[in-house]
Amino acid sequence: MPTQHGGGGGGLGDLVDMTLRLARVDMSVALIFAMHCQQVMAVVRHADGPLAERLLPALGKGNVYLASVTTERRKGGSLLSSDSTPGRTPAP
């Protein structure tokens, strides 16, 4: 996350290094970390206007976490279905 949004300012090399360090201890944790970071990087690189103004500072402060549709409960990783309403987490 860029420093102007409250992040540490790390780059892709830092992400790869940290993911490898995590993977040496727990590959599942490394996968979750890398997936979260790639979602954040996509928003940092492509969001603009009101979305960027609201979301990037919240991400930088750690108030919001992103996940892909593959991490949604009860769906088995299907990319073509979703139980979630945008901006909400489904109840267990």
PDB file of N, CA and C in Angstrom:
ATOM      1  N   MET A   1       0.850  -1.170   0.000  1.00  0.00           N
ATOM      2  CA  MET A   1       0.000   0.000   0.000  1.00  0.00           C
ATOM      3  C   MET A   1       0.901   1.240   0.000  1.00  0.00           C
ATOM      4  N   PRO A   2       0.646   2.177  -0.898  1.00  0.00           N
ATOM      5  CA  PRO A   2       1.449   3.404  -0.942  1.00  0.00           C
ATOM      6  C   PRO A   2       1.376   4.173   0.379  1.00  0.00           C
ATOM      7  N   THR A   3       2.466   4.860   0.706  1.00  0.00           N
ATOM      8  CA  THR A   3       2.512   5.612   1.963  1.00  0.00           C
ATOM      9  C   THR A   3       1.475   6.728   2.009  1.00  0.00           C
ATOM     10  N   GLN A   4       1.129   7.324   0.857  1.00  0.00           N
ATOM     11  CA  GLN A   4       0.147   8.408   0.857  1.00  0.00           C
ATOM     12  C   GLN A   4      -1.248   7.937   1.281  1.00  0.00           C
ATOM     13  N   HIS A   5      -1.448   6.606   1.323  1.00  0.00           N
ATOM     14  CA  HIS A   5      -2.725   6.052   1.774  1.00  0.00           C
ATOM     15  C   HIS A   5      -2.585   5.339   3.120  1.00  0.00           C
ATOM     16  N   GLY A   6      -1.452   5.561   3.796  1.00  0.00           N
ATOM     17  CA  GLY A   6      -1.262   4.983   5.117  1.00  0.00           C
ATOM     18  C   GLY A   6      -0.539   3.652   5.135  1.00  0.00           C
ATOM     19  N   GLY A   7      -0.061   3.202   3.987  1.00  0.00           N
ATOM     20  CA  GLY A   7       0.640   1.926   3.927  1.00  0.00           C
ATOM     21  C   GLY A   7       2.133   2.075   4.143  1.00  0.00           C
ATOM     22  N   GLY A   8       2.819   0.965   4.065  1.00  0.00           N
ATOM     23  CA  GLY A   8       4.255   0.945   4.272  1.00  0.00           C
ATOM     24  C   GLY A   8       5.075   1.291   3.052  1.00  0.00           C
ATOM     25  N   GLY A   9       4.434   1.375   1.877  1.00  0.00           N
ATOM     26  CA  GLY A   9       5.122   1.776   0.666  1.00  0.00           C
ATOM     27  C   GLY A   9       5.920   0.673  -0.009  1.00  0.00           C
ATOM     28  N   GLY A  10       5.697  -0.573   0.385  1.00  0.00           N
ATOM     29  CA  GLY A  10       6.422  -1.688  -0.222  1.00  0.00           C
ATOM     30  C   GLY A  10       6.020  -1.903  -1.673  1.00  0.00           C
ATOM     31  N   GLY A  11       6.871  -2.612  -2.386  1.00  0.00           N
ATOM     32  CA  GLY A  11       6.613  -2.908  -3.787  1.00  0.00           C
ATOM     33  C   GLY A  11       6.419  -4.394  -4.025  1.00  0.00           C
ATOM     34  N   LEU A  12       6.392  -4.758  -5.278  1.00  0.00           N
ATOM     35  CA  LEU A  12       6.161  -6.146  -5.663  1.00  0.00           C
ATOM     36  C   LEU A  12       7.257  -7.062  -5.101  1.00  0.00           C
ATOM     37  N   GLY A  13       8.502  -6.610  -5.118  1.00  0.00           N
ATOM     38  CA  GLY A  13       9.586  -7.413  -4.558  1.00  0.00           C
ATOM     39  C   GLY A  13       9.387  -7.709  -3.085  1.00  0.00           C
ATOM     40  N   ASP A  14       8.889  -6.721  -2.342  1.00  0.00           N
ATOM     41  CA  ASP A  14       8.606  -6.912  -0.918  1.00  0.00           C
ATOM     42  C   ASP A  14       7.494  -7.939  -0.721  1.00  0.00           C
ATOM     43  N   LEU A  15       6.482  -7.867  -1.578  1.00  0.00           N
ATOM     44  CA  LEU A  15       5.374  -8.819  -1.511  1.00  0.00           C
ATOM     45  C   LEU A  15       5.882 -10.238  -1.749  1.00  0.00           C
ATOM     46  N   VAL A  16       6.691 -10.415  -2.766  1.00  0.00           N
ATOM     47  CA  VAL A  16       7.225 -11.743  -3.076  1.00  0.00           C
ATOM     48  C   VAL A  16       8.095 -12.249  -1.931  1.00  0.00           C
ATOM     49  N   ASP A  17       8.960 -11.385  -1.404  1.00  0.00           N
ATOM     50  CA  ASP A  17       9.833 -11.780  -0.304  1.00  0.00           C
ATOM     51  C   ASP A  17       9.026 -12.219   0.914  1.00  0.00           C
ATOM     52  N   MET A  18       8.037 -11.431   1.295  1.00  0.00           N
ATOM     53  CA  MET A  18       7.235 -11.771   2.473  1.00  0.00           C
ATOM     54  C   MET A  18       6.420 -13.040   2.231  1.00  0.00           C
ATOM     55  N   THR A  19       5.885 -13.202   1.037  1.00  0.00           N
ATOM     56  CA  THR A  19       5.122 -14.411   0.727  1.00  0.00           C
ATOM     57  C   THR A  19       6.005 -15.647   0.837  1.00  0.00           C
ATOM     58  N   LEU A  20       7.227 -15.577   0.325  1.00  0.00           N
ATOM     59  CA  LEU A  20       8.151 -16.707   0.433  1.00  0.00           C
ATOM     60  C   LEU A  20       8.503 -17.006   1.882  1.00  0.00           C
ATOM     61  N   ARG A  21       8.701 -15.972   2.675  1.00  0.00           N
ATOM     62  CA  ARG A  21       9.002 -16.177   4.097  1.00  0.00           C
ATOM     63  C   ARG A  21       7.842 -16.871   4.806  1.00  0.00           C
ATOM     64  N   LEU A  22       6.629 -16.411   4.519  1.00  0.00           N
ATOM     65  CA  LEU A  22       5.449 -17.038   5.116  1.00  0.00           C
ATOM     66  C   LEU A  22       5.294 -18.482   4.647  1.00  0.00           C
ATOM     67  N   ALA A  23       5.549 -18.726   3.374  1.00  0.00           N
ATOM     68  CA  ALA A  23       5.377 -20.063   2.806  1.00  0.00           C
ATOM     69  C   ALA A  23       6.313 -21.079   3.440  1.00  0.00           C
ATOM     70  N   ARG A  24       7.465 -20.643   3.876  1.00  0.00           N
ATOM     71  CA  ARG A  24       8.400 -21.560   4.533  1.00  0.00           C
ATOM     72  C   ARG A  24       7.858 -22.062   5.870  1.00  0.00           C
ATOM     73  N   VAL A  25       6.923 -21.311   6.440  1.00  0.00           N
ATOM     74  CA  VAL A  25       6.328 -21.682   7.723  1.00  0.00           C
ATOM     75  C   VAL A  25       4.951 -22.311   7.524  1.00  0.00           C
ATOM     76  N   ASP A  26       4.121 -21.681   6.676  1.00  0.00           N
ATOM     77  CA  ASP A  26       2.746 -22.159   6.467  1.00  0.00           C
ATOM     78  C   ASP A  26       2.290 -21.731   5.072  1.00  0.00           C
ATOM     79  N   MET A  27       2.173 -22.692   4.178  1.00  0.00           N
ATOM     80  CA  MET A  27       1.818 -22.364   2.794  1.00  0.00           C
ATOM     81  C   MET A  27       0.410 -21.801   2.662  1.00  0.00           C
ATOM     82  N   SER A  28      -0.508 -22.227   3.515  1.00  0.00           N
ATOM     83  CA  SER A  28      -1.870 -21.693   3.469  1.00  0.00           C
ATOM     84  C   SER A  28      -1.894 -20.216   3.822  1.00  0.00           C
ATOM     85  N   VAL A  29      -1.155 -19.847   4.848  1.00  0.00           N
ATOM     86  CA  VAL A  29      -1.069 -18.438   5.249  1.00  0.00           C
ATOM     87  C   VAL A  29      -0.459 -17.617   4.120  1.00  0.00           C
ATOM     88  N   ALA A  30       0.585 -18.143   3.493  1.00  0.00           N
ATOM     89  CA  ALA A  30       1.224 -17.437   2.377  1.00  0.00           C
ATOM     90  C   ALA A  30       0.248 -17.223   1.231  1.00  0.00           C
ATOM     91  N   LEU A  31      -0.554 -18.226   0.929  1.00  0.00           N
ATOM     92  CA  LEU A  31      -1.539 -18.105  -0.147  1.00  0.00           C
ATOM     93  C   LEU A  31      -2.578 -17.042   0.174  1.00  0.00           C
ATOM     94  N   ILE A  32      -3.087 -17.056   1.381  1.00  0.00           N
ATOM     95  CA  ILE A  32      -4.087 -16.054   1.786  1.00  0.00           C
ATOM     96  C   ILE A  32      -3.486 -14.650   1.730  1.00  0.00           C
ATOM     97  N   PHE A  33      -2.276 -14.508   2.245  1.00  0.00           N
ATOM     98  CA  PHE A  33      -1.591 -13.217   2.226  1.00  0.00           C
ATOM     99  C   PHE A  33      -1.409 -12.721   0.793  1.00  0.00           C
ATOM    100  N   ALA A  34      -0.896 -13.580  -0.078  1.00  0.00           N
ATOM    101  CA  ALA A  34      -0.651 -13.179  -1.472  1.00  0.00           C
ATOM    102  C   ALA A  34      -1.944 -12.824  -2.190  1.00  0.00           C
ATOM    103  N   MET A  35      -3.005 -13.582  -1.945  1.00  0.00           N
ATOM    104  CA  MET A  35      -4.290 -13.280  -2.591  1.00  0.00           C
ATOM    105  C   MET A  35      -4.828 -11.932  -2.116  1.00  0.00           C
ATOM    106  N   HIS A  36      -4.726 -11.670  -0.817  1.00  0.00           N
ATOM    107  CA  HIS A  36      -5.180 -10.376  -0.296  1.00  0.00           C
ATOM    108  C   HIS A  36      -4.366  -9.250  -0.937  1.00  0.00           C
ATOM    109  N   CYS A  37      -3.056  -9.413  -0.980  1.00  0.00           N
ATOM    110  CA  CYS A  37      -2.189  -8.364  -1.517  1.00  0.00           C
ATOM    111  C   CYS A  37      -2.436  -8.120  -2.998  1.00  0.00           C
ATOM    112  N   GLN A  38      -2.709  -9.166  -3.768  1.00  0.00           N
ATOM    113  CA  GLN A  38      -2.963  -8.934  -5.198  1.00  0.00           C
ATOM    114  C   GLN A  38      -4.280  -8.196  -5.398  1.00  0.00           C
ATOM    115  N   GLN A  39      -5.246  -8.411  -4.515  1.00  0.00           N
ATOM    116  CA  GLN A  39      -6.494  -7.648  -4.589  1.00  0.00           C
ATOM    117  C   GLN A  39      -6.228  -6.178  -4.280  1.00  0.00           C
ATOM    118  N   VAL A  40      -5.425  -5.922  -3.258  1.00  0.00           N
ATOM    119  CA  VAL A  40      -5.076  -4.548  -2.895  1.00  0.00           C
ATOM    120  C   VAL A  40      -4.311  -3.884  -4.037  1.00  0.00           C
ATOM    121  N   MET A  41      -3.354  -4.591  -4.621  1.00  0.00           N
ATOM    122  CA  MET A  41      -2.571  -4.014  -5.720  1.00  0.00           C
ATOM    123  C   MET A  41      -3.463  -3.666  -6.916  1.00  0.00           C
ATOM    124  N   ALA A  42      -4.458  -4.495  -7.189  1.00  0.00           N
ATOM    125  CA  ALA A  42      -5.373  -4.200  -8.288  1.00  0.00           C
ATOM    126  C   ALA A  42      -6.148  -2.917  -8.016  1.00  0.00           C
ATOM    127  N   VAL A  43      -6.612  -2.744  -6.782  1.00  0.00           N
ATOM    128  CA  VAL A  43      -7.348  -1.528  -6.426  1.00  0.00           C
ATOM    129  C   VAL A  43      -6.422  -0.313  -6.489  1.00  0.00           C
ATOM    130  N   VAL A  44      -5.218  -0.424  -5.940  1.00  0.00           N
ATOM    131  CA  VAL A  44      -4.269   0.686  -5.953  1.00  0.00           C
ATOM    132  C   VAL A  44      -3.981   1.124  -7.392  1.00  0.00           C
ATOM    133  N   ARG A  45      -3.806   0.166  -8.275  1.00  0.00           N
ATOM    134  CA  ARG A  45      -3.435   0.490  -9.657  1.00  0.00           C
ATOM    135  C   ARG A  45      -4.602   0.951 -10.524  1.00  0.00           C
ATOM    136  N   HIS A  46      -5.827   0.522 -10.199  1.00  0.00           N
ATOM    137  CA  HIS A  46      -6.928   0.765 -11.134  1.00  0.00           C
ATOM    138  C   HIS A  46      -8.097   1.574 -10.591  1.00  0.00           C
ATOM    139  N   ALA A  47      -8.203   1.748  -9.282  1.00  0.00           N
ATOM    140  CA  ALA A  47      -9.322   2.520  -8.739  1.00  0.00           C
ATOM    141  C   ALA A  47      -9.054   4.013  -8.925  1.00  0.00           C
ATOM    142  N   ASP A  48     -10.116   4.746  -9.151  1.00  0.00           N
ATOM    143  CA  ASP A  48      -9.997   6.196  -9.227  1.00  0.00           C
ATOM    144  C   ASP A  48     -11.278   6.830  -8.703  1.00  0.00           C
ATOM    145  N   GLY A  49     -11.305   8.129  -8.628  1.00  0.00           N
ATOM    146  CA  GLY A  49     -12.489   8.869  -8.203  1.00  0.00           C
ATOM    147  C   GLY A  49     -12.928   8.523  -6.794  1.00  0.00           C
ATOM    148  N   PRO A  50     -14.239   8.529  -6.554  1.00  0.00           N
ATOM    149  CA  PRO A  50     -14.770   8.284  -5.208  1.00  0.00           C
ATOM    150  C   PRO A  50     -14.361   6.934  -4.621  1.00  0.00           C
ATOM    151  N   LEU A  51     -14.251   5.901  -5.470  1.00  0.00           N
ATOM    152  CA  LEU A  51     -13.841   4.595  -4.962  1.00  0.00           C
ATOM    153  C   LEU A  51     -12.452   4.682  -4.350  1.00  0.00           C
ATOM    154  N   ALA A  52     -11.514   5.244  -5.073  1.00  0.00           N
ATOM    155  CA  ALA A  52     -10.144   5.372  -4.570  1.00  0.00           C
ATOM    156  C   ALA A  52     -10.093   6.270  -3.339  1.00  0.00           C
ATOM    157  N   GLU A  53     -10.829   7.361  -3.347  1.00  0.00           N
ATOM    158  CA  GLU A  53     -10.811   8.311  -2.234  1.00  0.00           C
ATOM    159  C   GLU A  53     -11.312   7.692  -0.934  1.00  0.00           C
ATOM    160  N   ARG A  54     -12.275   6.774  -1.029  1.00  0.00           N
ATOM    161  CA  ARG A  54     -12.831   6.154   0.169  1.00  0.00           C
ATOM    162  C   ARG A  54     -12.108   4.861   0.549  1.00  0.00           C
ATOM    163  N   LEU A  55     -11.793   4.043  -0.439  1.00  0.00           N
ATOM    164  CA  LEU A  55     -11.276   2.713  -0.158  1.00  0.00           C
ATOM    165  C   LEU A  55      -9.788   2.694   0.184  1.00  0.00           C
ATOM    166  N   LEU A  56      -8.972   3.441  -0.548  1.00  0.00           N
ATOM    167  CA  LEU A  56      -7.526   3.362  -0.329  1.00  0.00           C
ATOM    168  C   LEU A  56      -7.103   3.782   1.082  1.00  0.00           C
ATOM    169  N   PRO A  57      -7.622   4.890   1.646  1.00  0.00           N
ATOM    170  CA  PRO A  57      -7.254   5.218   3.028  1.00  0.00           C
ATOM    171  C   PRO A  57      -7.739   4.165   4.032  1.00  0.00           C
ATOM    172  N   ALA A  58      -8.907   3.583   3.804  1.00  0.00           N
ATOM    173  CA  ALA A  58      -9.423   2.541   4.700  1.00  0.00           C
ATOM    174  C   ALA A  58      -8.542   1.296   4.637  1.00  0.00           C
ATOM    175  N   LEU A  59      -8.073   0.945   3.451  1.00  0.00           N
ATOM    176  CA  LEU A  59      -7.149  -0.178   3.320  1.00  0.00           C
ATOM    177  C   LEU A  59      -5.828   0.122   4.012  1.00  0.00           C
ATOM    178  N   GLY A  60      -5.309   1.316   3.819  1.00  0.00           N
ATOM    179  CA  GLY A  60      -4.039   1.710   4.421  1.00  0.00           C
ATOM    180  C   GLY A  60      -4.068   1.693   5.937  1.00  0.00           C
ATOM    181  N   LYS A  61      -5.217   2.018   6.516  1.00  0.00           N
ATOM    182  CA  LYS A  61      -5.358   2.016   7.974  1.00  0.00           C
ATOM    183  C   LYS A  61      -5.638   0.620   8.530  1.00  0.00           C
ATOM    184  N   GLY A  62      -5.930  -0.324   7.649  1.00  0.00           N
ATOM    185  CA  GLY A  62      -6.275  -1.671   8.110  1.00  0.00           C
ATOM    186  C   GLY A  62      -7.716  -1.797   8.555  1.00  0.00           C
ATOM    187  N   ASN A  63      -8.565  -0.841   8.169  1.00  0.00           N
ATOM    188  CA  ASN A  63      -9.982  -0.890   8.531  1.00  0.00           C
ATOM    189  C   ASN A  63     -10.788  -1.796   7.617  1.00  0.00           C
ATOM    190  N   VAL A  64     -10.240  -2.098   6.445  1.00  0.00           N
ATOM    191  CA  VAL A  64     -10.925  -2.900   5.434  1.00  0.00           C
ATOM    192  C   VAL A  64      -9.946  -3.929   4.905  1.00  0.00           C
ATOM    193  N   TYR A  65     -10.421  -5.126   4.665  1.00  0.00           N
ATOM    194  CA  TYR A  65      -9.616  -6.179   4.047  1.00  0.00           C
ATOM    195  C   TYR A  65     -10.349  -6.655   2.805  1.00  0.00           C
ATOM    196  N   LEU A  66      -9.593  -6.980   1.779  1.00  0.00           N
ATOM    197  CA  LEU A  66     -10.172  -7.460   0.530  1.00  0.00           C
ATOM    198  C   LEU A  66      -9.944  -8.952   0.386  1.00  0.00           C
ATOM    199  N   ALA A  67     -10.865  -9.598  -0.283  1.00  0.00           N
ATOM    200  CA  ALA A  67     -10.721 -11.019  -0.599  1.00  0.00           C
ATOM    201  C   ALA A  67     -11.334 -11.252  -1.974  1.00  0.00           C
ATOM    202  N   SER A  68     -10.948 -12.318  -2.592  1.00  0.00           N
ATOM    203  CA  SER A  68     -11.509 -12.639  -3.904  1.00  0.00           C
ATOM    204  C   SER A  68     -12.769 -13.476  -3.735  1.00  0.00           C
ATOM    205  N   VAL A  69     -13.514 -13.651  -4.814  1.00  0.00           N
ATOM    206  CA  VAL A  69     -14.729 -14.461  -4.745  1.00  0.00           C
ATOM    207  C   VAL A  69     -14.419 -15.911  -4.412  1.00  0.00           C
ATOM    208  N   THR A  70     -13.194 -16.336  -4.601  1.00  0.00           N
ATOM    209  CA  THR A  70     -12.850 -17.722  -4.296  1.00  0.00           C
ATOM    210  C   THR A  70     -12.783 -17.986  -2.799  1.00  0.00           C
ATOM    211  N   THR A  71     -12.762 -16.944  -1.973  1.00  0.00           N
ATOM    212  CA  THR A  71     -12.694 -17.129  -0.526  1.00  0.00           C
ATOM    213  C   THR A  71     -14.071 -17.072   0.129  1.00  0.00           C
ATOM    214  N   GLU A  72     -15.100 -16.931  -0.650  1.00  0.00           N
ATOM    215  CA  GLU A  72     -16.452 -16.836  -0.111  1.00  0.00           C
ATOM    216  C   GLU A  72     -16.916 -18.175   0.461  1.00  0.00           C
ATOM    217  N   ARG A  73     -17.641 -18.115   1.556  1.00  0.00           N
ATOM    218  CA  ARG A  73     -18.150 -19.329   2.210  1.00  0.00           C
ATOM    219  C   ARG A  73     -19.141 -20.075   1.314  1.00  0.00           C
ATOM    220  N   ARG A  74     -19.196 -21.377   1.473  1.00  0.00           N
ATOM    221  CA  ARG A  74     -20.211 -22.274   0.877  1.00  0.00           C
ATOM    222  C   ARG A  74     -20.224 -22.307  -0.643  1.00  0.00           C
ATOM    223  N   LYS A  75     -19.203 -21.880  -1.340  1.00  0.00           N
ATOM    224  CA  LYS A  75     -19.308 -21.864  -2.790  1.00  0.00           C
ATOM    225  C   LYS A  75     -18.317 -22.764  -3.498  1.00  0.00           C
ATOM    226  N   GLY A  76     -17.364 -23.340  -2.791  1.00  0.00           N
ATOM    227  CA  GLY A  76     -16.447 -24.279  -3.393  1.00  0.00           C
ATOM    228  C   GLY A  76     -15.502 -23.687  -4.424  1.00  0.00           C
ATOM    229  N   GLY A  77     -15.248 -22.391  -4.383  1.00  0.00           N
ATOM    230  CA  GLY A  77     -14.293 -21.768  -5.297  1.00  0.00           C
ATOM    231  C   GLY A  77     -14.829 -21.430  -6.669  1.00  0.00           C
ATOM    232  N   SER A  78     -16.132 -21.578  -6.892  1.00  0.00           N
ATOM    233  CA  SER A  78     -16.702 -21.262  -8.198  1.00  0.00           C
ATOM    234  C   SER A  78     -16.597 -19.769  -8.490  1.00  0.00           C
ATOM    235  N   LEU A  79     -15.997 -19.432  -9.619  1.00  0.00           N
ATOM    236  CA  LEU A  79     -15.851 -18.020  -9.997  1.00  0.00           C
ATOM    237  C   LEU A  79     -17.120 -17.440 -10.610  1.00  0.00           C
ATOM    238  N   LEU A  80     -18.093 -18.283 -10.914  1.00  0.00           N
ATOM    239  CA  LEU A  80     -19.290 -17.824 -11.615  1.00  0.00           C
ATOM    240  C   LEU A  80     -20.502 -17.680 -10.710  1.00  0.00           C
ATOM    241  N   SER A  81     -20.321 -17.812  -9.400  1.00  0.00           N
ATOM    242  CA  SER A  81     -21.441 -17.653  -8.484  1.00  0.00           C
ATOM    243  C   SER A  81     -20.997 -16.849  -7.266  1.00  0.00           C
ATOM    244  N   SER A  82     -21.980 -16.263  -6.576  1.00  0.00           N
ATOM    245  CA  SER A  82     -21.678 -15.496  -5.378  1.00  0.00           C
ATOM    246  C   SER A  82     -22.899 -15.458  -4.475  1.00  0.00           C
ATOM    247  N   ASP A  83     -22.649 -15.573  -3.167  1.00  0.00           N
ATOM    248  CA  ASP A  83     -23.710 -15.419  -2.176  1.00  0.00           C
ATOM    249  C   ASP A  83     -23.677 -14.037  -1.541  1.00  0.00           C
ATOM    250  N   SER A  84     -22.672 -13.240  -1.867  1.00  0.00           N
ATOM    251  CA  SER A  84     -22.457 -11.960  -1.201  1.00  0.00           C
ATOM    252  C   SER A  84     -23.104 -10.802  -1.937  1.00  0.00           C
ATOM    253  N   THR A  85     -23.541  -9.835  -1.146  1.00  0.00           N
ATOM    254  CA  THR A  85     -23.935  -8.548  -1.657  1.00  0.00           C
ATOM    255  C   THR A  85     -22.678  -7.698  -1.628  1.00  0.00           C
ATOM    256  N   PRO A  86     -22.381  -6.934  -2.671  1.00  0.00           N
ATOM    257  CA  PRO A  86     -21.148  -6.117  -2.642  1.00  0.00           C
ATOM    258  C   PRO A  86     -21.077  -5.279  -1.379  1.00  0.00           C
ATOM    259  N   GLY A  87     -19.909  -5.315  -0.740  1.00  0.00           N
ATOM    260  CA  GLY A  87     -19.692  -4.531   0.461  1.00  0.00           C
ATOM    261  C   GLY A  87     -20.151  -5.194   1.737  1.00  0.00           C
ATOM    262  N   ARG A  88     -20.669  -6.421   1.627  1.00  0.00           N
ATOM    263  CA  ARG A  88     -21.148  -7.124   2.822  1.00  0.00           C
ATOM    264  C   ARG A  88     -20.570  -8.529   2.853  1.00  0.00           C
ATOM    265  N   THR A  89     -20.454  -9.084   4.041  1.00  0.00           N
ATOM    266  CA  THR A  89     -20.008 -10.453   4.216  1.00  0.00           C
ATOM    267  C   THR A  89     -21.219 -11.303   4.536  1.00  0.00           C
ATOM    268  N   PRO A  90     -21.387 -12.463   3.884  1.00  0.00           N
ATOM    269  CA  PRO A  90     -22.557 -13.296   4.173  1.00  0.00           C
ATOM    270  C   PRO A  90     -22.493 -13.872   5.583  1.00  0.00           C
ATOM    271  N   ALA A  91     -23.626 -14.090   6.175  1.00  0.00           N
ATOM    272  CA  ALA A  91     -23.702 -14.702   7.498  1.00  0.00           C
ATOM    273  C   ALA A  91     -23.305 -16.160   7.389  1.00  0.00           C
ATOM    274  N   PRO A  92     -22.692 -16.723   8.465  1.00  0.00           N
ATOM    275  CA  PRO A  92     -22.286 -18.135   8.424  1.00  0.00           C
ATOM    276  C   PRO A  92     -23.460 -19.073   8.346  1.00  0.00           C
TER     277      PRO A  92
END
